[in-house]
Amino acid sequence: MPQSLTAVSLLVRDYDEAIDFFTKVLRFQLVEDTALGNEKRWVVVAPQGNAGAALLLARAANEEQRACVGNQTGGRVFLFLHTSDFAADYEHMRAHGVRFVEAPREESYGRVVVFLDLYGNKWDLVQPRLIRVP
């Protein structure tokens, strides 16, 4: 039986500020925003033309969850955003105030830079290197 990973939950402080960041700064699409009652919402964003997992933006509901906003992986890179136009995405993100923790670099797998989302979670922006088959 085939399986697929469809979404990853990302703790956020506020639904609307997270939607604003992901749709304007990272240019994701808002896939769903459904009220569930008691101020809870089912909010899903995904990169344009997404063929992989989406993000479920989950508003932190208690002190324990709020303490984890921005540090869900203990400071490690958490999410990997692939692009076909590194230069354009990098410049768009810079123009919108995204914080980068390093300069872009070339790796065996492609061009990459680590950036922080609005809460401080670390991401890799990656333009994969094309693999040429002989």
C-alpha atoms as a PDB file:
ATOM      1  CA  MET A   1       0.000   0.000   0.000  1.00  0.00           C
ATOM      2  CA  PRO A   2       1.541   3.357  -1.039  1.00  0.00           C
ATOM      3  CA  GLN A   3       2.068   6.022   1.609  1.00  0.00           C
ATOM      4  CA  SER A   4       2.980   9.687   1.484  1.00  0.00           C
ATOM      5  CA  LEU A   5       3.811  12.398   3.957  1.00  0.00           C
ATOM      6  CA  THR A   6       1.229  15.111   3.321  1.00  0.00           C
ATOM      7  CA  ALA A   7       1.878  17.689   6.048  1.00  0.00           C
ATOM      8  CA  VAL A   8       4.277  18.703   8.798  1.00  0.00           C
ATOM      9  CA  SER A   9       2.969  20.622  11.788  1.00  0.00           C
ATOM     10  CA  LEU A  10       4.763  23.892  12.540  1.00  0.00           C
ATOM     11  CA  LEU A  11       4.070  25.653  15.837  1.00  0.00           C
ATOM     12  CA  VAL A  12       3.314  29.360  15.382  1.00  0.00           C
ATOM     13  CA  ARG A  13       2.433  32.242  17.726  1.00  0.00           C
ATOM     14  CA  ASP A  14      -0.378  33.576  15.578  1.00  0.00           C
ATOM     15  CA  TYR A  15      -2.179  32.200  12.536  1.00  0.00           C
ATOM     16  CA  ASP A  16      -2.447  35.472  10.631  1.00  0.00           C
ATOM     17  CA  GLU A  17       1.173  36.582  11.078  1.00  0.00           C
ATOM     18  CA  ALA A  18       2.318  33.115   9.981  1.00  0.00           C
ATOM     19  CA  ILE A  19       0.036  33.159   6.925  1.00  0.00           C
ATOM     20  CA  ASP A  20       1.379  36.607   6.030  1.00  0.00           C
ATOM     21  CA  PHE A  21       5.004  35.433   6.249  1.00  0.00           C
ATOM     22  CA  PHE A  22       4.536  32.221   4.311  1.00  0.00           C
ATOM     23  CA  THR A  23       2.366  33.683   1.554  1.00  0.00           C
ATOM     24  CA  LYS A  24       4.160  37.019   1.050  1.00  0.00           C
ATOM     25  CA  VAL A  25       7.755  36.361   2.019  1.00  0.00           C
ATOM     26  CA  LEU A  26       8.157  32.723   0.939  1.00  0.00           C
ATOM     27  CA  ARG A  27       5.401  32.994  -1.716  1.00  0.00           C
ATOM     28  CA  PHE A  28       3.616  29.851  -0.549  1.00  0.00           C
ATOM     29  CA  GLN A  29      -0.044  29.363  -1.361  1.00  0.00           C
ATOM     30  CA  LEU A  30      -2.709  29.262   1.317  1.00  0.00           C
ATOM     31  CA  VAL A  31      -4.236  25.827   0.775  1.00  0.00           C
ATOM     32  CA  GLU A  32      -6.791  25.898   3.578  1.00  0.00           C
ATOM     33  CA  ASP A  33      -7.917  28.114   6.454  1.00  0.00           C
ATOM     34  CA  THR A  34     -10.871  26.554   8.239  1.00  0.00           C
ATOM     35  CA  ALA A  35     -12.258  27.671  11.595  1.00  0.00           C
ATOM     36  CA  LEU A  36     -12.596  24.754  14.015  1.00  0.00           C
ATOM     37  CA  GLY A  37     -14.140  26.610  16.963  1.00  0.00           C
ATOM     38  CA  ASN A  38     -12.634  27.982  20.177  1.00  0.00           C
ATOM     39  CA  GLU A  39     -10.301  30.205  18.090  1.00  0.00           C
ATOM     40  CA  LYS A  40      -8.632  27.101  16.631  1.00  0.00           C
ATOM     41  CA  ARG A  41      -8.081  26.904  12.865  1.00  0.00           C
ATOM     42  CA  TRP A  42      -6.869  24.319  10.364  1.00  0.00           C
ATOM     43  CA  VAL A  43      -4.344  26.352   8.373  1.00  0.00           C
ATOM     44  CA  VAL A  44      -2.306  24.724   5.598  1.00  0.00           C
ATOM     45  CA  VAL A  45       0.273  26.440   3.383  1.00  0.00           C
ATOM     46  CA  ALA A  46       2.449  24.933   0.669  1.00  0.00           C
ATOM     47  CA  PRO A  47       5.012  26.078  -1.878  1.00  0.00           C
ATOM     48  CA  GLN A  48       3.640  27.025  -5.302  1.00  0.00           C
ATOM     49  CA  GLY A  49       3.367  23.934  -7.485  1.00  0.00           C
ATOM     50  CA  ASN A  50       3.979  21.771  -4.434  1.00  0.00           C
ATOM     51  CA  ALA A  51       4.578  18.081  -5.056  1.00  0.00           C
ATOM     52  CA  GLY A  52       5.637  17.311  -1.484  1.00  0.00           C
ATOM     53  CA  ALA A  53       4.429  17.896   2.029  1.00  0.00           C
ATOM     54  CA  ALA A  54       2.569  21.018   3.103  1.00  0.00           C
ATOM     55  CA  LEU A  55       2.852  22.888   6.404  1.00  0.00           C
ATOM     56  CA  LEU A  56       0.059  22.759   8.947  1.00  0.00           C
ATOM     57  CA  LEU A  57       0.378  26.006  10.897  1.00  0.00           C
ATOM     58  CA  ALA A  58      -0.538  25.083  14.474  1.00  0.00           C
ATOM     59  CA  ARG A  59      -1.014  27.937  16.921  1.00  0.00           C
ATOM     60  CA  ALA A  60       0.721  27.147  20.194  1.00  0.00           C
ATOM     61  CA  ALA A  61      -2.020  26.463  22.730  1.00  0.00           C
ATOM     62  CA  ASN A  62      -0.149  26.380  26.049  1.00  0.00           C
ATOM     63  CA  GLU A  63       3.110  27.471  27.702  1.00  0.00           C
ATOM     64  CA  GLU A  64       4.933  24.261  26.795  1.00  0.00           C
ATOM     65  CA  GLN A  65       4.068  24.689  23.111  1.00  0.00           C
ATOM     66  CA  ARG A  66       4.797  28.441  23.151  1.00  0.00           C
ATOM     67  CA  ALA A  67       8.278  27.672  24.512  1.00  0.00           C
ATOM     68  CA  CYS A  68       8.933  25.518  21.419  1.00  0.00           C
ATOM     69  CA  VAL A  69       7.864  28.087  18.818  1.00  0.00           C
ATOM     70  CA  GLY A  70      10.954  28.807  16.733  1.00  0.00           C
ATOM     71  CA  ASN A  71      12.977  25.950  18.158  1.00  0.00           C
ATOM     72  CA  GLN A  72      11.162  22.756  17.292  1.00  0.00           C
ATOM     73  CA  THR A  73      14.392  20.905  16.494  1.00  0.00           C
ATOM     74  CA  GLY A  74      16.841  22.192  19.072  1.00  0.00           C
ATOM     75  CA  GLY A  75      18.507  24.628  16.674  1.00  0.00           C
ATOM     76  CA  ARG A  76      19.048  22.250  13.740  1.00  0.00           C
ATOM     77  CA  VAL A  77      17.893  22.921  10.213  1.00  0.00           C
ATOM     78  CA  PHE A  78      14.274  21.811  10.267  1.00  0.00           C
ATOM     79  CA  LEU A  79      12.802  22.257   6.811  1.00  0.00           C
ATOM     80  CA  PHE A  80      14.228  22.107   3.298  1.00  0.00           C
ATOM     81  CA  LEU A  81      12.754  24.321   0.583  1.00  0.00           C
ATOM     82  CA  HIS A  82      13.789  23.337  -2.944  1.00  0.00           C
ATOM     83  CA  THR A  83      13.705  25.910  -5.721  1.00  0.00           C
ATOM     84  CA  SER A  84      14.414  25.981  -9.438  1.00  0.00           C
ATOM     85  CA  ASP A  85      15.546  29.649  -9.256  1.00  0.00           C
ATOM     86  CA  PHE A  86      17.806  30.138  -6.255  1.00  0.00           C
ATOM     87  CA  ALA A  87      18.893  33.671  -7.195  1.00  0.00           C
ATOM     88  CA  ALA A  88      15.352  35.009  -7.598  1.00  0.00           C
ATOM     89  CA  ASP A  89      14.064  33.391  -4.399  1.00  0.00           C
ATOM     90  CA  TYR A  90      17.124  34.475  -2.414  1.00  0.00           C
ATOM     91  CA  GLU A  91      16.775  38.100  -3.565  1.00  0.00           C
ATOM     92  CA  HIS A  92      13.017  38.135  -2.929  1.00  0.00           C
ATOM     93  CA  MET A  93      13.563  36.802   0.588  1.00  0.00           C
ATOM     94  CA  ARG A  94      16.352  39.318   1.267  1.00  0.00           C
ATOM     95  CA  ALA A  95      14.112  42.164   0.066  1.00  0.00           C
ATOM     96  CA  HIS A  96      11.466  41.007   2.544  1.00  0.00           C
ATOM     97  CA  GLY A  97      13.822  40.989   5.522  1.00  0.00           C
ATOM     98  CA  VAL A  98      14.511  37.263   5.836  1.00  0.00           C
ATOM     99  CA  ARG A  99      17.487  36.596   8.099  1.00  0.00           C
ATOM    100  CA  PHE A 100      20.213  34.412   6.608  1.00  0.00           C
ATOM    101  CA  VAL A 101      22.728  32.766   8.925  1.00  0.00           C
ATOM    102  CA  GLU A 102      25.380  32.368   6.233  1.00  0.00           C
ATOM    103  CA  ALA A 103      26.254  33.305   2.679  1.00  0.00           C
ATOM    104  CA  PRO A 104      24.980  31.089  -0.145  1.00  0.00           C
ATOM    105  CA  ARG A 105      27.339  28.214  -0.867  1.00  0.00           C
ATOM    106  CA  GLU A 106      27.861  25.449  -3.398  1.00  0.00           C
ATOM    107  CA  GLU A 107      27.629  21.870  -2.184  1.00  0.00           C
ATOM    108  CA  SER A 108      27.814  18.581  -4.064  1.00  0.00           C
ATOM    109  CA  TYR A 109      23.998  18.442  -4.049  1.00  0.00           C
ATOM    110  CA  GLY A 110      23.446  22.041  -5.175  1.00  0.00           C
ATOM    111  CA  ARG A 111      23.371  25.695  -4.129  1.00  0.00           C
ATOM    112  CA  VAL A 112      22.194  26.227  -0.541  1.00  0.00           C
ATOM    113  CA  VAL A 113      21.757  28.858   2.152  1.00  0.00           C
ATOM    114  CA  VAL A 114      20.382  28.585   5.689  1.00  0.00           C
ATOM    115  CA  PHE A 115      17.682  31.089   6.651  1.00  0.00           C
ATOM    116  CA  LEU A 116      15.377  31.696   9.600  1.00  0.00           C
ATOM    117  CA  ASP A 117      11.614  31.905   9.381  1.00  0.00           C
ATOM    118  CA  LEU A 118       9.735  34.587  11.316  1.00  0.00           C
ATOM    119  CA  TYR A 119      10.043  32.547  14.529  1.00  0.00           C
ATOM    120  CA  GLY A 120      13.687  31.520  14.187  1.00  0.00           C
ATOM    121  CA  ASN A 121      13.306  27.979  12.824  1.00  0.00           C
ATOM    122  CA  LYS A 122      16.220  27.112  10.538  1.00  0.00           C
ATOM    123  CA  TRP A 123      15.510  26.237   6.904  1.00  0.00           C
ATOM    124  CA  ASP A 124      17.666  25.345   3.929  1.00  0.00           C
ATOM    125  CA  LEU A 125      16.865  27.028   0.621  1.00  0.00           C
ATOM    126  CA  VAL A 126      18.270  24.606  -1.955  1.00  0.00           C
ATOM    127  CA  GLN A 127      18.551  24.593  -5.703  1.00  0.00           C
ATOM    128  CA  PRO A 128      19.428  20.948  -6.359  1.00  0.00           C
ATOM    129  CA  ARG A 129      22.199  20.215  -8.796  1.00  0.00           C
ATOM    130  CA  LEU A 130      21.002  18.485 -11.895  1.00  0.00           C
ATOM    131  CA  ILE A 131      22.303  14.959 -12.062  1.00  0.00           C
ATOM    132  CA  ARG A 132      23.449  14.046 -15.511  1.00  0.00           C
ATOM    133  CA  VAL A 133      23.176  10.440 -16.505  1.00  0.00           C
ATOM    134  CA  PRO A 134      25.923   9.321 -18.917  1.00  0.00           C
END
